[in-house]
Protein backbone atom coordinates (compact mmCIF):
# COMPACT_ATOMS: atom_id res chain seq x y z
CA MET A 1 -120.92 -15.61 9.59
CA ARG A 2 -118.00 -17.27 7.79
CA ARG A 3 -114.94 -14.77 7.84
CA ASP A 4 -112.42 -14.94 4.84
CA TRP A 5 -108.75 -15.31 5.57
CA THR A 6 -106.53 -12.54 5.73
CA ARG A 7 -103.15 -12.42 3.76
CA ASP A 8 -101.46 -12.05 7.15
CA GLU A 9 -103.42 -15.35 8.18
CA VAL A 10 -102.63 -17.31 5.26
CA LEU A 11 -98.74 -16.42 5.72
CA ALA A 12 -98.86 -17.51 9.20
CA ALA A 13 -100.45 -20.66 8.26
CA LEU A 14 -98.01 -21.29 5.47
CA HIS A 15 -94.97 -20.57 8.29
CA LEU A 16 -96.54 -23.49 10.23
CA TYR A 17 -96.65 -25.85 6.98
CA THR A 18 -92.95 -25.20 6.64
CA GLN A 19 -92.18 -25.87 10.14
CA LEU A 20 -94.27 -28.73 11.05
CA ARG A 21 -94.15 -32.52 9.59
CA PHE A 22 -96.61 -33.48 7.21
CA GLY A 23 -98.54 -35.89 10.08
CA GLN A 24 -98.60 -33.31 12.20
CA LEU A 25 -101.10 -31.00 10.25
CA HIS A 26 -104.21 -31.77 12.41
CA LYS A 27 -106.36 -29.95 14.92
CA GLY A 28 -104.68 -31.49 18.09
CA ASN A 29 -101.06 -30.14 17.31
CA ALA A 30 -100.37 -27.57 19.94
CA ASP A 31 -98.57 -25.01 17.45
CA ILE A 32 -101.84 -25.21 15.44
CA LYS A 33 -104.02 -24.78 18.64
CA ALA A 34 -101.87 -21.69 19.65
CA LEU A 35 -102.37 -19.93 16.26
CA ALA A 36 -105.96 -20.79 15.97
CA ALA A 37 -106.62 -18.96 19.65
CA LYS A 38 -104.78 -15.90 18.44
CA ILE A 39 -106.77 -15.34 15.27
CA ASP A 40 -110.23 -16.60 16.82
CA ARG A 41 -110.44 -19.65 14.67
CA THR A 42 -110.76 -23.06 15.64
CA PRO A 43 -107.89 -25.42 15.41
CA SER A 44 -109.90 -27.49 12.67
CA SER A 45 -110.20 -24.51 10.70
CA VAL A 46 -106.36 -23.63 10.81
CA ALA A 47 -105.57 -27.28 10.12
CA MET A 48 -107.63 -27.23 7.16
CA LYS A 49 -105.84 -24.17 5.69
CA LEU A 50 -102.59 -26.28 6.03
CA THR A 51 -104.07 -29.17 4.23
CA ASN A 52 -105.41 -26.54 1.53
CA LEU A 53 -101.73 -25.31 1.29
CA ALA A 54 -100.62 -29.09 1.05
CA SER A 55 -102.85 -29.47 -1.85
CA LEU A 56 -100.85 -26.98 -3.46
CA ASP A 57 -97.37 -28.55 -2.92
CA PRO A 58 -96.38 -30.71 -6.11
CA GLN A 59 -94.29 -33.21 -4.00
CA ILE A 60 -97.37 -33.94 -1.65
CA THR A 61 -99.42 -34.39 -4.99
CA ALA A 62 -96.64 -36.36 -6.71
CA ASN A 63 -96.52 -39.00 -3.74
CA GLY A 64 -100.19 -39.97 -4.10
CA ARG A 65 -101.24 -37.87 -1.22
CA LYS A 66 -103.65 -35.03 -1.31
CA GLY A 67 -104.47 -32.02 1.00
CA LEU A 68 -107.97 -30.85 0.89
CA PRO A 69 -109.10 -29.44 -2.62
CA GLY A 70 -110.71 -26.08 -1.28
CA ALA A 71 -107.49 -23.64 -1.65
CA SER A 72 -108.59 -20.08 -2.28
CA ALA A 73 -107.22 -17.79 -4.73
CA LEU A 74 -105.40 -16.02 -1.82
CA ASP A 75 -104.00 -19.48 -0.91
CA ARG A 76 -102.70 -19.92 -4.50
CA ALA A 77 -101.24 -16.56 -4.87
CA VAL A 78 -99.17 -16.83 -1.56
CA TRP A 79 -97.96 -20.34 -2.65
CA GLY A 80 -97.02 -19.18 -5.95
CA GLU A 81 -94.96 -16.17 -4.20
CA PHE A 82 -93.44 -18.98 -2.10
CA ALA A 83 -92.38 -20.93 -5.04
CA SER A 84 -90.93 -18.07 -7.04
CA ASP A 85 -89.05 -16.47 -3.84
CA TRP A 86 -88.69 -18.83 -1.08
CA ASP A 87 -86.52 -16.41 1.06
CA THR A 88 -88.85 -13.34 0.90
CA THR A 89 -91.99 -15.21 1.34
CA ALA A 90 -90.57 -17.44 4.06
CA LEU A 91 -89.26 -14.46 6.13
CA ALA A 92 -92.76 -12.56 5.70
CA ALA A 93 -94.23 -15.84 6.59
CA GLN A 94 -92.44 -15.97 9.77
CA ASP A 95 -93.13 -12.27 10.52
CA SER A 96 -96.85 -12.65 10.29
CA TYR A 97 -96.78 -15.78 12.30
CA VAL A 98 -94.66 -13.83 15.17
CA ARG A 99 -97.00 -10.59 14.85
CA LEU A 100 -100.16 -12.62 15.31
CA LEU A 101 -99.01 -14.56 18.25
CA GLY A 102 -98.00 -11.20 19.66
CA ASP A 103 -94.48 -11.85 20.18
CA GLU A 104 -91.37 -9.18 19.42
CA PRO A 105 -90.78 -9.15 15.77
CA THR A 106 -87.47 -10.62 14.78
CA THR A 107 -84.78 -7.90 13.66
CA TYR A 108 -82.95 -8.24 10.39
CA ILE A 109 -79.71 -6.51 9.52
CA ASP A 110 -77.32 -6.64 6.63
CA ALA A 111 -74.04 -6.95 8.40
CA PRO A 112 -72.55 -10.27 9.15
CA GLU A 113 -73.08 -9.62 12.99
CA ALA A 114 -73.72 -6.75 15.10
CA TRP A 115 -75.27 -5.62 18.51
CA VAL A 116 -78.96 -4.19 18.42
CA HIS A 117 -79.95 -2.50 21.45
CA THR A 118 -83.70 -2.70 22.07
CA GLU A 119 -85.80 -0.91 24.69
CA GLY A 120 -82.51 -0.68 27.08
CA ARG A 121 -81.73 -4.40 26.36
CA THR A 122 -78.77 -5.57 24.30
CA ARG A 123 -78.97 -8.46 22.04
CA THR A 124 -76.95 -10.27 19.55
CA ALA A 125 -78.89 -9.91 15.85
CA LEU A 126 -77.42 -12.04 13.08
CA VAL A 127 -77.89 -11.50 9.16
CA ARG A 128 -80.94 -13.01 7.96
CA VAL A 129 -79.37 -16.13 6.87
CA ARG A 130 -77.85 -16.86 10.42
CA ALA A 131 -80.73 -15.30 12.41
CA ASN A 132 -83.29 -17.62 10.64
CA GLN A 133 -81.14 -20.79 10.66
CA HIS A 134 -83.64 -22.32 12.89
CA LEU A 135 -86.34 -21.74 10.08
CA PHE A 136 -84.35 -23.61 7.58
CA ARG A 137 -83.03 -26.38 9.86
CA ARG A 138 -86.88 -26.85 10.99
CA ALA A 139 -88.03 -26.88 7.41
CA VAL A 140 -85.28 -29.61 6.38
CA LEU A 141 -85.19 -31.86 9.48
CA ASN A 142 -88.97 -32.14 9.34
CA SER A 143 -89.12 -32.77 5.69
CA TYR A 144 -86.76 -35.54 6.33
CA ASN A 145 -88.28 -36.63 9.64
CA SER A 146 -85.19 -35.68 11.36
CA THR A 147 -82.96 -38.63 9.89
CA CYS A 148 -80.03 -38.38 8.01
CA CYS A 149 -80.52 -39.03 4.33
CA ILE A 150 -77.50 -40.96 3.63
CA SER A 151 -76.75 -42.91 7.18
CA GLY A 152 -80.20 -43.09 8.65
CA LEU A 153 -79.15 -41.27 11.79
CA SER A 154 -81.81 -40.02 13.54
CA ASP A 155 -80.53 -38.23 16.80
CA GLU A 156 -81.18 -34.38 16.28
CA ARG A 157 -78.28 -33.64 18.43
CA LEU A 158 -76.25 -34.98 15.57
CA LEU A 159 -77.76 -33.80 12.59
CA ILE A 160 -77.38 -30.67 10.32
CA ALA A 161 -79.38 -28.93 7.84
CA SER A 162 -76.95 -28.60 5.13
CA HIS A 163 -77.05 -26.23 2.27
CA ILE A 164 -76.35 -27.72 -1.24
CA VAL A 165 -75.43 -24.09 -2.39
CA PRO A 166 -73.77 -22.20 0.15
CA TRP A 167 -75.82 -19.24 1.39
CA SER A 168 -73.02 -16.79 0.17
CA GLU A 169 -73.68 -17.88 -3.15
CA ASP A 170 -77.43 -17.60 -3.60
CA HIS A 171 -79.14 -14.97 -1.49
CA ARG A 172 -82.59 -16.18 -3.13
CA ASN A 173 -82.42 -19.46 -1.80
CA ARG A 174 -80.75 -19.27 1.61
CA LEU A 175 -84.09 -20.53 3.26
CA ASN A 176 -85.19 -22.72 0.46
CA PRO A 177 -85.67 -26.24 1.87
CA GLN A 178 -85.00 -27.66 -1.53
CA ASN A 179 -81.50 -26.46 -1.15
CA GLY A 180 -80.92 -28.53 2.01
CA LEU A 181 -79.96 -32.16 2.83
CA CYS A 182 -80.50 -33.48 6.26
CA LEU A 183 -77.18 -34.89 7.10
CA SER A 184 -75.36 -36.22 10.17
CA ALA A 185 -72.68 -34.10 11.30
CA LEU A 186 -69.96 -36.13 9.72
CA HIS A 187 -71.75 -36.29 6.38
CA ASP A 188 -72.27 -32.68 6.51
CA ARG A 189 -68.68 -31.94 6.97
CA ALA A 190 -67.66 -34.07 4.20
CA PHE A 191 -70.27 -32.67 1.97
CA ASP A 192 -69.28 -29.22 2.53
CA GLN A 193 -65.42 -30.17 2.01
CA GLY A 194 -66.41 -31.81 -1.36
CA LEU A 195 -65.40 -35.09 -0.22
CA ILE A 196 -68.88 -36.47 -1.00
CA ALA A 197 -71.51 -35.32 -3.41
CA VAL A 198 -75.32 -36.01 -4.40
CA SER A 199 -75.73 -36.29 -7.90
CA PRO A 200 -79.00 -34.73 -9.51
CA ASP A 201 -80.49 -38.53 -9.37
CA HIS A 202 -79.76 -38.67 -5.65
CA ARG A 203 -76.79 -41.20 -5.74
CA VAL A 204 -74.07 -40.65 -3.10
CA LEU A 205 -70.74 -39.80 -4.89
CA ILE A 206 -67.35 -40.48 -3.27
CA SER A 207 -64.32 -38.05 -4.24
CA ALA A 208 -61.44 -39.82 -5.94
CA ALA A 209 -59.16 -38.50 -2.93
CA LEU A 210 -61.44 -40.29 -0.37
CA LYS A 211 -61.44 -43.42 -2.40
CA THR A 212 -57.73 -44.17 -1.98
CA ARG A 213 -58.34 -44.21 2.00
CA THR A 214 -59.10 -47.90 1.88
CA GLY A 215 -57.21 -48.61 4.68
CA ASP A 216 -58.75 -46.59 6.98
CA ALA A 217 -61.71 -48.78 8.50
CA PHE A 218 -63.73 -45.75 9.71
CA LEU A 219 -64.07 -44.31 6.51
CA ARG A 220 -64.96 -47.51 4.80
CA SER A 221 -67.70 -48.01 6.95
CA ASN A 222 -69.06 -44.41 7.39
CA LEU A 223 -68.38 -42.76 4.07
CA LEU A 224 -66.97 -45.11 1.38
CA ALA A 225 -69.83 -48.10 1.89
CA TYR A 226 -72.41 -45.35 0.62
CA GLU A 227 -71.00 -44.75 -2.75
CA GLY A 228 -73.65 -45.31 -5.15
CA ALA A 229 -76.32 -45.50 -2.67
CA THR A 230 -79.73 -43.61 -3.26
CA ILE A 231 -80.23 -40.95 -0.50
CA ALA A 232 -83.50 -41.44 1.32
CA MET A 233 -86.02 -38.74 0.08
CA PRO A 234 -87.95 -36.33 2.02
CA GLU A 235 -91.80 -36.08 2.39
CA ARG A 236 -91.65 -32.65 1.31
CA PHE A 237 -89.17 -30.04 -0.49
CA LYS A 238 -87.24 -32.87 -2.49
CA PRO A 239 -83.78 -31.43 -3.04
CA ASP A 240 -83.52 -29.54 -6.48
CA PRO A 241 -81.23 -31.36 -9.18
CA ALA A 242 -80.03 -27.93 -10.17
CA PHE A 243 -78.68 -27.14 -6.95
CA LEU A 244 -77.03 -30.89 -6.74
CA ARG A 245 -75.61 -30.34 -10.03
CA HIS A 246 -74.08 -27.17 -9.11
CA HIS A 247 -72.45 -28.93 -5.92
CA CYS A 248 -71.07 -31.49 -8.02
CA GLU A 249 -69.51 -29.27 -10.63
CA ARG A 250 -68.19 -26.94 -8.24
CA PHE A 251 -66.15 -30.16 -6.78
CA GLY A 252 -65.37 -31.75 -9.96
CA PHE A 253 -67.86 -34.64 -9.27
CA SER A 254 -68.70 -36.64 -12.46
CA PHE A 255 -72.44 -38.07 -12.77
């Protein structure tokens, strides 16, 4: 007998959707198999649910790819919540995933850092945005196939999931992968310091101060050379032009 998906199960599937690459949404994926075993469904069923969710992702459909067209009313409702409030829904999805897998739930607190005692064990718990950096990082890096969108560097040890609008400025988009860019450590630092920016139409901008450093061969090769280049676009979660505009205006870039 066919069993309807529960909200918890759809949320857990949404968590996997944000944490896996588009090409990993298949029944052979280990994470899909693990969730399927815990919720008494087949890996094919879970993979199908992920592709149902993909059919609701506007960037997937805009690129000519299609998920399966059988998204349910519940799928659409959960996706709608995700699109309107990324952080709340992403955290709820993570909690559902962790709970269904039977692991210890994540503890969230509102202080920047504190010690939390759980069953006699002391562990460090960080504020949501810090404790859940792995969520944001995986979503951003997987969307960009673990490749710096400016330089093409593809060593994950040297890549940063960079916030476009700092987490301290926008509490509703701290975990929103559309508020992220996959950058090398060098380009992340330059972006954070306002030495470079990305325009709303996705072109690399170089600050006036940096342009004066033409005598520095390293800067010429690794920063100045990218002026005007279009960043490599992610498979999903394209950077929001409003966030890019905010960053440009914050550091006085013209575009």
